[in-house]
Amino acid sequence: MSNRLRVLLADDQFLVRAGIVSLLGLDPGIDVVAEASDGEQALKLVASHRPDVLLLDLRMPRLDGIGVLTRLREDQDPTPVLVLTTFDDDEQVVAAMRAGARGYLLKDVTLEELTAALRQVAAGQRYIQPAITATLVAHFADPEPAEPPAYIPRLTDRELDVLRLLAAGWPNRDIAESLHLAEGTVKNHVSAIMDKLGVRDRTKAVLRALELGLLSRS
């Protein structure tokens, strides 16, 4: 039985699709099982091929990426979606994540980052490019008034410092240098943050913190 990752690619530009297929072909663990040139075709191919991940552009004819995400969310077991697009404006990023995207990348990413993102999304995790995470933070910096959540975990000042740098996409080593801490200490803080927020990875920690308004607090 093959362990190769089965990817469905949806993009309206032929040359872009050809380039992505060619690049992904360099990874022996990934198969592009089908290609779609519009949103309606993407939905049909998802239903017939049941890929591990849908690699989806947002601007497409007939049905755009947000529409595809919205329709897929109606499935009992929706295919995980990784958005790969040229658009990094706040509204597109937030709309895609709210519509159910598991990850969001810009088309200037490296092949290494793209393949890592595909595997992470297929494994049920989220993957957001650091620059996009910063966009989400900026969008939620001044949230609309809303009913407060029933419970907001208490993070220490140092944990909040670490969380803010996590949200900016910094790796542990750079966080340690910035805060004058040992890298092992930073790892402990990251683990404590994820435990308190009830999540299992760094991206979910940032998204959960945004939902709770933790990153907008002084």
Protein backbone atom coordinates (compact mmCIF):
# COMPACT_ATOMS: atom_id res chain seq x y z
CA MET A 1 0.00 0.00 0.00
CA SER A 2 1.44 3.39 -1.02
CA ASN A 3 2.15 6.04 1.57
CA ARG A 4 2.45 8.77 -1.05
CA LEU A 5 0.53 11.98 -0.36
CA ARG A 6 -2.29 12.43 -2.88
CA VAL A 7 -2.79 16.07 -3.86
CA LEU A 8 -5.47 17.69 -6.02
CA LEU A 9 -4.40 21.01 -7.55
CA ALA A 10 -6.95 23.73 -8.39
CA ASP A 11 -5.71 26.83 -10.24
CA ASP A 12 -7.15 28.56 -13.29
CA GLN A 13 -3.77 29.30 -14.92
CA PHE A 14 -2.36 26.44 -16.99
CA LEU A 15 1.28 27.52 -16.73
CA VAL A 16 0.99 27.94 -12.96
CA ARG A 17 -0.48 24.45 -12.64
CA ALA A 18 2.23 23.00 -14.86
CA GLY A 19 4.93 24.65 -12.78
CA ILE A 20 3.51 23.44 -9.48
CA VAL A 21 3.02 19.89 -10.80
CA SER A 22 6.58 19.87 -12.07
CA LEU A 23 7.96 21.05 -8.73
CA LEU A 24 5.89 18.64 -6.65
CA GLY A 25 7.09 15.87 -8.97
CA LEU A 26 10.55 16.37 -7.46
CA ASP A 27 9.24 15.00 -4.16
CA PRO A 28 9.01 11.20 -4.36
CA GLY A 29 6.39 11.14 -1.61
CA ILE A 30 3.80 13.29 -3.37
CA ASP A 31 1.40 12.49 -6.24
CA VAL A 32 -0.72 15.14 -7.97
CA VAL A 33 -3.74 12.97 -8.77
CA ALA A 34 -5.76 15.55 -10.70
CA GLU A 35 -5.88 19.19 -11.80
CA ALA A 36 -8.84 21.58 -11.82
CA SER A 37 -9.09 24.88 -13.69
CA ASP A 38 -12.14 26.25 -11.87
CA GLY A 39 -13.99 25.83 -8.60
CA GLU A 40 -16.84 23.67 -9.87
CA GLN A 41 -14.41 21.25 -11.48
CA ALA A 42 -12.39 21.17 -8.24
CA LEU A 43 -15.45 20.01 -6.28
CA LYS A 44 -16.20 17.26 -8.81
CA LEU A 45 -12.61 16.02 -8.75
CA VAL A 46 -12.52 16.06 -4.95
CA ALA A 47 -15.61 13.85 -4.92
CA SER A 48 -14.16 11.40 -7.45
CA HIS A 49 -10.52 11.26 -6.29
CA ARG A 50 -10.83 11.89 -2.52
CA PRO A 51 -7.33 13.42 -2.28
CA ASP A 52 -5.42 13.80 0.97
CA VAL A 53 -5.15 17.56 0.38
CA LEU A 54 -6.70 20.09 -1.98
CA LEU A 55 -4.15 22.73 -3.01
CA LEU A 56 -6.44 25.63 -3.87
CA ASP A 57 -6.11 29.04 -5.49
CA LEU A 58 -8.65 31.67 -4.42
CA ARG A 59 -9.33 33.56 -7.65
CA MET A 60 -10.94 31.14 -10.10
CA PRO A 61 -13.86 31.23 -12.58
CA ARG A 62 -17.32 29.69 -12.03
CA LEU A 63 -16.72 29.25 -8.29
CA ASP A 64 -13.95 30.99 -6.37
CA GLY A 65 -11.81 29.48 -3.61
CA ILE A 66 -14.00 30.76 -0.78
CA GLY A 67 -17.00 29.19 -2.48
CA VAL A 68 -15.15 25.88 -2.79
CA LEU A 69 -14.22 25.98 0.89
CA THR A 70 -17.79 26.76 1.89
CA ARG A 71 -19.19 23.87 -0.17
CA LEU A 72 -16.57 21.42 1.10
CA ARG A 73 -17.40 22.31 4.68
CA GLU A 74 -20.85 20.77 4.13
CA ASP A 75 -19.23 17.32 3.78
CA GLN A 76 -19.18 15.06 6.83
CA ASP A 77 -15.49 14.42 6.25
CA PRO A 78 -14.23 17.43 4.28
CA THR A 79 -10.96 17.23 2.38
CA PRO A 80 -8.26 19.34 4.07
CA VAL A 81 -7.52 22.47 2.04
CA LEU A 82 -4.25 24.36 1.71
CA VAL A 83 -4.70 27.73 0.01
CA LEU A 84 -1.87 28.71 -2.33
CA THR A 85 -2.42 32.15 -3.82
CA THR A 86 -0.81 35.45 -4.75
CA PHE A 87 -3.19 37.44 -2.55
CA ASP A 88 -2.20 38.33 1.02
CA ASP A 89 -4.75 41.06 1.82
CA ASP A 90 -6.45 40.86 5.19
CA GLU A 91 -9.95 40.13 3.92
CA GLN A 92 -8.88 37.19 1.74
CA VAL A 93 -6.77 35.61 4.48
CA VAL A 94 -9.42 35.91 7.17
CA ALA A 95 -12.25 34.84 4.85
CA ALA A 96 -10.35 31.72 3.79
CA MET A 97 -9.52 30.69 7.35
CA ARG A 98 -13.09 31.27 8.50
CA ALA A 99 -14.39 29.27 5.52
CA GLY A 100 -12.37 26.25 6.65
CA ALA A 101 -8.90 26.43 5.08
CA ARG A 102 -6.34 24.46 7.08
CA GLY A 103 -3.43 26.44 5.72
CA TYR A 104 -2.56 29.54 3.72
CA LEU A 105 0.56 30.11 1.62
CA LEU A 106 1.67 32.68 -0.93
CA LYS A 107 3.03 31.52 -4.27
CA ASP A 108 6.51 32.84 -3.49
CA VAL A 109 7.14 30.00 -1.01
CA THR A 110 9.94 27.50 -1.47
CA LEU A 111 9.27 23.93 -2.55
CA GLU A 112 10.46 22.77 0.87
CA GLU A 113 7.89 24.94 2.64
CA LEU A 114 5.12 23.90 0.26
CA THR A 115 5.72 20.17 0.72
CA ALA A 116 6.02 20.60 4.50
CA ALA A 117 2.73 22.50 4.53
CA LEU A 118 0.97 19.83 2.46
CA ARG A 119 2.10 17.08 4.84
CA GLN A 120 1.15 19.07 7.93
CA VAL A 121 -2.33 19.88 6.60
CA ALA A 122 -2.84 16.25 5.54
CA ALA A 123 -1.95 15.21 9.09
CA GLY A 124 -4.81 17.31 10.46
CA GLN A 125 -2.73 20.27 11.55
CA ARG A 126 -2.73 23.88 10.41
CA TYR A 127 0.02 25.62 8.47
CA ILE A 128 0.13 29.36 7.99
CA GLN A 129 3.06 31.18 6.44
CA PRO A 130 4.68 33.45 9.08
CA ALA A 131 3.92 36.57 7.06
CA ILE A 132 0.26 35.52 6.91
CA THR A 133 0.18 34.89 10.65
CA ALA A 134 1.32 38.48 11.09
CA THR A 135 -1.59 39.59 8.87
CA LEU A 136 -4.03 37.68 11.07
CA VAL A 137 -2.54 39.28 14.17
CA ALA A 138 -2.90 42.72 12.61
CA HIS A 139 -6.52 41.98 11.65
CA PHE A 140 -7.44 40.93 15.18
CA ALA A 141 -5.40 43.61 16.98
CA ASP A 142 -8.53 45.72 17.46
CA PRO A 143 -11.36 43.17 17.47
CA GLU A 144 -14.99 44.09 17.22
CA PRO A 145 -16.81 44.12 20.58
CA ALA A 146 -18.14 40.65 21.24
CA GLU A 147 -19.44 38.54 24.06
CA PRO A 148 -16.39 37.49 26.10
CA PRO A 149 -15.50 33.78 26.14
CA ALA A 150 -16.52 31.81 29.21
CA TYR A 151 -12.90 31.14 30.15
CA ILE A 152 -9.67 32.90 29.23
CA PRO A 153 -6.50 31.13 30.40
CA ARG A 154 -4.00 33.22 32.35
CA LEU A 155 -0.60 33.46 30.72
CA THR A 156 2.42 34.86 32.51
CA ASP A 157 4.05 38.03 31.19
CA ARG A 158 6.95 35.98 29.83
CA GLU A 159 4.57 33.54 28.13
CA LEU A 160 2.83 36.49 26.47
CA ASP A 161 6.20 37.78 25.28
CA VAL A 162 6.93 34.39 23.73
CA LEU A 163 3.41 34.16 22.25
CA ARG A 164 3.75 37.53 20.49
CA LEU A 165 6.98 36.40 18.83
CA LEU A 166 5.37 33.07 17.90
CA ALA A 167 2.62 35.06 16.20
CA ALA A 168 5.25 36.92 14.19
CA GLY A 169 6.57 33.58 12.93
CA TRP A 170 9.82 33.54 14.92
CA PRO A 171 11.53 30.18 15.57
CA ASN A 172 12.55 29.21 19.11
CA ARG A 173 16.19 30.11 18.54
CA ASP A 174 15.38 33.69 17.51
CA ILE A 175 12.86 34.07 20.34
CA ALA A 176 15.54 32.94 22.79
CA GLU A 177 18.02 35.50 21.46
CA SER A 178 15.48 38.31 21.52
CA LEU A 179 14.31 37.61 25.07
CA HIS A 180 17.78 36.63 26.36
CA LEU A 181 16.64 33.15 27.31
CA ALA A 182 18.00 29.67 26.77
CA GLU A 183 16.37 27.90 23.82
CA GLY A 184 15.27 25.10 26.16
CA THR A 185 13.50 27.67 28.32
CA VAL A 186 11.65 28.98 25.28
CA LYS A 187 10.57 25.43 24.39
CA ASN A 188 9.20 25.04 27.93
CA HIS A 189 7.28 28.31 27.60
CA VAL A 190 5.85 27.22 24.23
CA SER A 191 4.73 23.91 25.75
CA ALA A 192 3.11 25.73 28.66
CA ILE A 193 1.31 28.10 26.29
CA MET A 194 -0.08 25.22 24.21
CA ASP A 195 -1.20 23.38 27.37
CA LYS A 196 -3.01 26.43 28.70
CA LEU A 197 -4.69 27.13 25.36
CA GLY A 198 -5.61 23.47 24.86
CA VAL A 199 -3.88 23.06 21.50
CA ARG A 200 -1.16 20.80 20.11
CA ASP A 201 0.81 23.00 17.72
CA ARG A 202 2.20 26.51 17.48
CA THR A 203 -0.11 27.76 14.73
CA LYS A 204 -3.22 26.67 16.62
CA ALA A 205 -1.83 28.41 19.70
CA VAL A 206 -1.62 31.69 17.79
CA LEU A 207 -5.09 31.26 16.27
CA ARG A 208 -6.58 30.42 19.68
CA ALA A 209 -4.85 33.42 21.24
CA LEU A 210 -6.31 35.63 18.52
CA GLU A 211 -9.81 34.30 19.20
CA LEU A 212 -9.39 35.04 22.91
CA GLY A 213 -7.96 38.51 22.34
CA LEU A 214 -4.73 37.68 24.13
CA LEU A 215 -2.54 39.25 21.47
CA SER A 216 -4.38 42.56 21.56
CA ARG A 217 -3.71 43.08 25.25
CA SER A 218 -0.96 45.30 26.51
